């Protein structure tokens, strides 16, 4: 397992600070606690409430947000809390005692949808699957991070798996047609979710020339890159998610005014999708950020 790290992120409310984790904290959903009594199902939140300045605790799959009383400033206590959280998680202690399928009845549905990419089928669900988009190119990547993706790779025709907010995009090899296998995959995913099994146990890692297997971290963007990312999130992502795809901001070359985006899920590897999205994104960004964009380069994830 990769080393667990906690990074700090400011919010628009100066009394609330986010502590982002490279370890997946809970299997799904989110929990908010206003006092130690409400936090009876979260040993971690209870421990935090012993700190006299903690007002509220909010826990999701990949971060813990803490609201403080005005008796302290974050600069005086944030490093101490970060170290405390890292120690807690490294010890493997329970974050939240989540309700199991035996105590929480949940009607889970899974539906299959075709996508513009004939090699990809989208499997949507009424259950929230992840807080962070994750993509797996092979079974080895999935084995270190997502038990659900690993299980899907056990189908011999599965080439890639992309898991987003409430859907899974599965890319197949040409050895089969979706008409022959989609029902089996849909049934398998639904039974997996109904059983309450773990979807993602640990955030995947990325490789680059500087850091091998570096855990995915949330990077705080500023200036033009931040505006580009906001436009993608608000105008582009909802549209492509409907087709089982995803658009992720990659980089901005300020000198040449070139934007690089990564296409994932159903968008990845689809020639028509790549051209259409590239042109559509380029036009939108040029309109919304005049004189700041010359070209958009689309990369397959």
Protein backbone atom coordinates (compact mmCIF):
# COMPACT_ATOMS: atom_id res chain seq x y z
CA UNK A 1 0.00 0.00 0.00
CA UNK A 2 1.26 3.49 -0.84
CA UNK A 3 2.16 5.89 1.95
CA UNK A 4 -0.79 7.78 3.40
CA UNK A 5 -0.52 11.55 3.13
CA UNK A 6 -2.80 14.37 4.26
CA UNK A 7 -2.68 17.69 2.39
CA UNK A 8 -4.33 20.95 3.40
CA UNK A 9 -6.79 22.91 1.27
CA UNK A 10 -8.41 26.23 2.15
CA UNK A 11 -12.10 26.83 1.46
CA UNK A 12 -14.20 29.93 0.83
CA UNK A 13 -15.15 29.84 4.53
CA UNK A 14 -12.04 30.75 6.54
CA UNK A 15 -13.29 28.75 9.55
CA UNK A 16 -13.37 25.53 7.49
CA UNK A 17 -10.25 23.67 6.36
CA UNK A 18 -10.13 20.55 4.20
CA UNK A 19 -7.71 17.73 4.92
CA UNK A 20 -7.36 15.74 1.68
CA UNK A 21 -6.31 12.10 1.95
CA UNK A 22 -4.50 9.81 -0.47
CA UNK A 23 -6.35 6.92 1.21
CA UNK A 24 -10.03 6.34 0.53
CA UNK A 25 -11.71 7.01 3.87
CA UNK A 26 -15.22 5.59 3.38
CA UNK A 27 -16.88 3.44 0.75
CA UNK A 28 -19.49 5.98 -0.36
CA UNK A 29 -21.63 8.95 0.61
CA UNK A 30 -20.66 11.49 3.27
CA UNK A 31 -21.14 12.12 6.99
CA UNK A 32 -21.54 15.39 8.90
CA UNK A 33 -21.28 15.73 12.68
CA UNK A 34 -22.07 18.78 14.82
CA UNK A 35 -20.97 17.30 18.16
CA UNK A 36 -19.44 14.22 19.78
CA UNK A 37 -22.84 12.59 20.40
CA UNK A 38 -23.76 12.71 16.72
CA UNK A 39 -20.38 11.14 15.93
CA UNK A 40 -21.04 7.87 17.76
CA UNK A 41 -20.53 5.88 14.53
CA UNK A 42 -17.21 7.62 13.77
CA UNK A 43 -14.29 7.01 16.16
CA UNK A 44 -12.20 9.46 14.14
CA UNK A 45 -14.75 12.30 14.40
CA UNK A 46 -15.16 11.59 18.13
CA UNK A 47 -11.42 11.91 18.59
CA UNK A 48 -11.42 15.25 16.75
CA UNK A 49 -14.23 16.61 18.94
CA UNK A 50 -11.97 16.23 21.98
CA UNK A 51 -10.10 19.22 20.55
CA UNK A 52 -11.86 22.23 22.13
CA UNK A 53 -11.81 24.34 18.96
CA UNK A 54 -13.56 21.78 16.69
CA UNK A 55 -17.11 22.90 15.85
CA UNK A 56 -18.11 20.50 13.03
CA UNK A 57 -16.62 17.52 11.19
CA UNK A 58 -17.51 16.48 7.63
CA UNK A 59 -16.17 13.19 6.20
CA UNK A 60 -16.26 12.05 2.55
CA UNK A 61 -14.39 9.41 0.57
CA UNK A 62 -11.26 11.48 0.07
CA UNK A 63 -11.24 14.35 2.56
CA UNK A 64 -12.16 15.48 6.07
CA UNK A 65 -13.41 19.05 6.47
CA UNK A 66 -13.24 20.62 9.93
CA UNK A 67 -14.94 23.81 11.04
CA UNK A 68 -13.31 25.61 13.97
CA UNK A 69 -14.54 27.94 16.67
CA UNK A 70 -12.96 31.42 16.71
CA UNK A 71 -10.83 30.66 19.76
CA UNK A 72 -7.92 29.64 17.49
CA UNK A 73 -6.56 30.33 14.01
CA UNK A 74 -5.89 27.50 11.56
CA UNK A 75 -2.25 28.50 11.23
CA UNK A 76 -1.72 27.61 14.89
CA UNK A 77 -3.27 24.11 14.81
CA UNK A 78 -3.50 22.80 11.22
CA UNK A 79 -0.14 20.98 11.17
CA UNK A 80 -0.89 19.26 14.46
CA UNK A 81 -4.25 18.00 13.11
CA UNK A 82 -2.67 16.87 9.84
CA UNK A 83 -0.10 14.78 11.72
CA UNK A 84 -2.82 13.40 13.99
CA UNK A 85 -4.93 12.33 10.99
CA UNK A 86 -1.97 10.72 9.21
CA UNK A 87 -1.08 8.73 12.34
CA UNK A 88 -4.69 7.64 12.79
CA UNK A 89 -5.02 6.42 9.21
CA UNK A 90 -1.62 4.70 9.18
CA UNK A 91 -2.70 2.71 12.23
CA UNK A 92 -5.64 1.42 10.20
CA UNK A 93 -8.18 2.63 12.76
CA UNK A 94 -11.86 2.85 11.79
CA UNK A 95 -12.96 6.14 10.23
CA UNK A 96 -16.73 5.56 10.10
CA UNK A 97 -18.72 2.47 11.01
CA UNK A 98 -20.74 2.37 7.81
CA UNK A 99 -24.12 0.71 7.63
CA UNK A 100 -24.05 -2.65 5.89
CA UNK A 101 -26.67 -4.01 3.54
CA UNK A 102 -28.15 -6.02 6.41
CA UNK A 103 -28.96 -2.85 8.37
CA UNK A 104 -29.56 -0.43 5.55
CA UNK A 105 -32.00 -1.46 2.86
CA UNK A 106 -31.11 0.24 -0.40
CA UNK A 107 -32.87 -0.29 -3.70
CA UNK A 108 -29.99 -0.29 -6.16
CA UNK A 109 -30.60 -0.20 -9.88
CA UNK A 110 -28.07 -0.53 -12.68
CA UNK A 111 -28.89 0.30 -16.29
CA UNK A 112 -26.84 -0.09 -19.47
CA UNK A 113 -26.53 2.63 -22.11
CA UNK A 114 -24.75 2.68 -25.45
CA UNK A 115 -22.20 5.45 -25.98
CA UNK A 116 -20.81 7.24 -29.04
CA UNK A 117 -17.83 4.90 -28.75
CA UNK A 118 -18.97 1.43 -29.97
CA UNK A 119 -16.32 -0.23 -27.84
CA UNK A 120 -17.64 1.30 -24.60
CA UNK A 121 -20.83 0.63 -22.64
CA UNK A 122 -22.00 2.86 -19.81
CA UNK A 123 -23.49 1.22 -16.70
CA UNK A 124 -25.33 3.85 -14.67
CA UNK A 125 -26.56 3.46 -11.10
CA UNK A 126 -28.76 5.28 -8.61
CA UNK A 127 -25.98 4.72 -6.03
CA UNK A 128 -23.09 7.14 -5.66
CA UNK A 129 -19.95 5.20 -6.50
CA UNK A 130 -17.02 7.56 -5.94
CA UNK A 131 -16.07 11.12 -5.04
CA UNK A 132 -13.05 10.97 -7.35
CA UNK A 133 -13.02 9.85 -11.02
CA UNK A 134 -10.73 6.83 -11.45
CA UNK A 135 -9.57 5.08 -14.60
CA UNK A 136 -7.92 1.67 -14.91
CA UNK A 137 -6.12 0.64 -18.10
CA UNK A 138 -5.44 -2.93 -16.97
CA UNK A 139 -6.08 -5.46 -14.22
CA UNK A 140 -2.80 -4.68 -12.44
CA UNK A 141 -3.83 -1.06 -11.89
CA UNK A 142 -7.22 -2.16 -10.58
CA UNK A 143 -5.78 -4.78 -8.22
CA UNK A 144 -4.02 -2.09 -6.17
CA UNK A 145 -6.98 0.26 -5.91
CA UNK A 146 -10.49 -0.94 -6.74
CA UNK A 147 -11.99 -4.35 -5.87
CA UNK A 148 -14.96 -3.55 -8.11
CA UNK A 149 -12.81 -2.73 -11.15
CA UNK A 150 -10.71 -5.82 -10.45
CA UNK A 151 -13.85 -7.97 -10.44
CA UNK A 152 -15.02 -6.45 -13.75
CA UNK A 153 -11.63 -7.22 -15.32
CA UNK A 154 -12.31 -10.90 -14.62
CA UNK A 155 -14.54 -10.81 -17.71
CA UNK A 156 -12.04 -11.81 -20.43
CA UNK A 157 -13.36 -9.24 -22.90
CA UNK A 158 -12.85 -6.21 -20.63
CA UNK A 159 -10.07 -3.88 -21.73
CA UNK A 160 -10.51 -0.78 -19.52
CA UNK A 161 -12.71 0.41 -16.65
CA UNK A 162 -13.62 4.01 -15.75
CA UNK A 163 -15.58 4.76 -12.53
CA UNK A 164 -17.21 8.14 -12.03
CA UNK A 165 -19.82 9.70 -9.74
CA UNK A 166 -22.71 7.32 -10.48
CA UNK A 167 -21.66 5.29 -13.49
CA UNK A 168 -19.04 2.86 -14.79
CA UNK A 169 -17.79 2.92 -18.38
CA UNK A 170 -16.41 -0.42 -19.56
CA UNK A 171 -14.26 -0.70 -22.69
CA UNK A 172 -14.22 -4.10 -24.39
CA UNK A 173 -11.92 -5.90 -26.78
CA UNK A 174 -13.27 -6.68 -30.26
CA UNK A 175 -13.63 -10.38 -29.39
CA UNK A 176 -17.31 -9.89 -28.44
CA UNK A 177 -20.27 -7.63 -29.23
CA UNK A 178 -21.96 -5.69 -26.44
CA UNK A 179 -25.36 -7.15 -27.40
CA UNK A 180 -24.08 -10.56 -26.33
CA UNK A 181 -22.57 -9.60 -22.95
CA UNK A 182 -23.97 -6.31 -21.59
CA UNK A 183 -26.79 -7.97 -19.63
CA UNK A 184 -24.34 -10.24 -17.83
CA UNK A 185 -22.10 -7.31 -16.89
CA UNK A 186 -25.06 -5.20 -15.75
CA UNK A 187 -26.35 -8.02 -13.51
CA UNK A 188 -22.88 -8.57 -12.07
CA UNK A 189 -22.38 -4.90 -11.20
CA UNK A 190 -25.82 -4.63 -9.59
CA UNK A 191 -25.28 -7.75 -7.45
CA UNK A 192 -21.87 -6.42 -6.40
CA UNK A 193 -23.36 -3.10 -5.27
CA UNK A 194 -26.35 -4.70 -3.54
CA UNK A 195 -23.92 -6.88 -1.55
CA UNK A 196 -22.31 -3.70 -0.20
CA UNK A 197 -18.82 -4.70 -1.30
CA UNK A 198 -15.98 -2.20 -1.48
CA UNK A 199 -15.88 -0.10 -4.63
CA UNK A 200 -12.56 1.71 -4.17
CA UNK A 201 -10.20 0.95 -1.31
CA UNK A 202 -7.35 3.29 -2.22
CA UNK A 203 -6.82 6.11 -4.70
CA UNK A 204 -4.83 4.96 -7.74
CA UNK A 205 -1.32 6.25 -8.38
CA UNK A 206 0.15 8.06 -11.33
CA UNK A 207 3.63 7.68 -12.79
CA UNK A 208 5.83 10.46 -14.01
CA UNK A 209 9.50 11.10 -14.54
CA UNK A 210 9.99 12.74 -11.17
CA UNK A 211 7.94 10.59 -8.84
CA UNK A 212 7.23 6.92 -9.42
CA UNK A 213 3.78 5.81 -8.31
CA UNK A 214 2.88 9.17 -6.80
CA UNK A 215 -0.57 9.21 -5.16
CA UNK A 216 -3.15 11.34 -6.97
CA UNK A 217 -3.42 14.69 -5.21
CA UNK A 218 -5.79 17.57 -5.67
CA UNK A 219 -3.90 20.52 -7.15
CA UNK A 220 -5.13 24.02 -6.44
CA UNK A 221 -5.31 25.88 -9.76
CA UNK A 222 -5.09 29.63 -10.14
CA UNK A 223 -5.55 32.19 -12.90
CA UNK A 224 -6.40 30.99 -16.43
CA UNK A 225 -5.97 27.24 -15.58
CA UNK A 226 -8.52 27.61 -12.78
CA UNK A 227 -10.97 29.37 -15.11
CA UNK A 228 -10.51 26.64 -17.74
CA UNK A 229 -11.12 23.89 -15.17
CA UNK A 230 -14.26 25.67 -13.93
CA UNK A 231 -15.64 25.97 -17.47
CA UNK A 232 -14.98 22.29 -18.14
CA UNK A 233 -16.70 21.30 -14.87
CA UNK A 234 -19.76 23.47 -15.45
CA UNK A 235 -20.36 23.23 -19.21
CA UNK A 236 -18.57 20.18 -20.60
CA UNK A 237 -18.42 17.42 -17.99
CA UNK A 238 -22.20 17.09 -17.43
CA UNK A 239 -22.76 16.64 -21.16
CA UNK A 240 -20.08 14.00 -21.73
CA UNK A 241 -20.98 12.16 -18.50
CA UNK A 242 -24.34 11.41 -20.09
CA UNK A 243 -22.46 9.44 -22.73
CA UNK A 244 -20.24 7.65 -20.23
CA UNK A 245 -17.23 9.89 -20.78
CA UNK A 246 -15.19 12.44 -18.88
CA UNK A 247 -13.04 15.47 -19.61
CA UNK A 248 -10.16 16.31 -17.28
CA UNK A 249 -8.03 19.44 -17.41
CA UNK A 250 -4.38 18.53 -17.97
CA UNK A 251 -2.33 21.69 -18.59
CA UNK A 252 -2.23 25.20 -20.02
CA UNK A 253 0.72 26.52 -22.03
CA UNK A 254 0.57 30.24 -21.27
CA UNK A 255 3.15 31.15 -23.92
CA UNK A 256 1.41 29.41 -26.82
CA UNK A 257 -2.08 29.60 -25.25
CA UNK A 258 -2.62 25.88 -25.76
CA UNK A 259 -4.95 23.88 -23.48
CA UNK A 260 -4.44 20.15 -22.97
CA UNK A 261 -7.37 18.01 -21.81
CA UNK A 262 -7.59 14.29 -21.13
CA UNK A 263 -10.49 12.25 -22.51
CA UNK A 264 -11.57 9.34 -20.32
CA UNK A 265 -14.19 6.62 -20.31
CA UNK A 266 -16.25 6.48 -23.50
CA UNK A 267 -14.46 9.55 -24.86
CA UNK A 268 -11.06 7.86 -24.80
CA UNK A 269 -10.01 6.24 -28.05
CA UNK A 270 -13.09 7.32 -29.99
CA UNK A 271 -11.95 9.23 -33.13
CA UNK A 272 -15.27 11.00 -33.76
CA UNK A 273 -15.64 11.86 -30.09
CA UNK A 274 -12.10 13.21 -29.93
CA UNK A 275 -12.58 15.51 -32.91
CA UNK A 276 -16.05 16.69 -31.85
CA UNK A 277 -15.09 17.37 -28.25
CA UNK A 278 -11.82 19.04 -29.18
CA UNK A 279 -13.60 21.44 -31.54
CA UNK A 280 -16.50 22.01 -29.15
CA UNK A 281 -14.27 22.70 -26.17
CA UNK A 282 -12.00 24.91 -28.25
CA UNK A 283 -14.91 27.03 -29.47
CA UNK A 284 -16.39 27.38 -25.98
CA UNK A 285 -13.10 28.31 -24.33
CA UNK A 286 -12.29 30.85 -27.02
CA UNK A 287 -15.69 32.49 -26.50
CA UNK A 288 -15.50 32.53 -22.71
CA UNK A 289 -11.80 33.39 -22.44
CA UNK A 290 -11.17 35.76 -25.38
CA UNK A 291 -7.55 36.14 -26.52
CA UNK A 292 -6.40 33.49 -24.05
CA UNK A 293 -6.91 30.30 -26.10
CA UNK A 294 -5.35 29.40 -29.46
CA UNK A 295 -5.85 25.65 -29.47
CA UNK A 296 -7.13 22.72 -27.43
CA UNK A 297 -5.24 19.45 -27.59
CA UNK A 298 -7.22 16.34 -26.63
CA UNK A 299 -5.33 13.38 -25.18
CA UNK A 300 -6.72 9.92 -24.58
CA UNK A 301 -6.59 8.90 -20.94
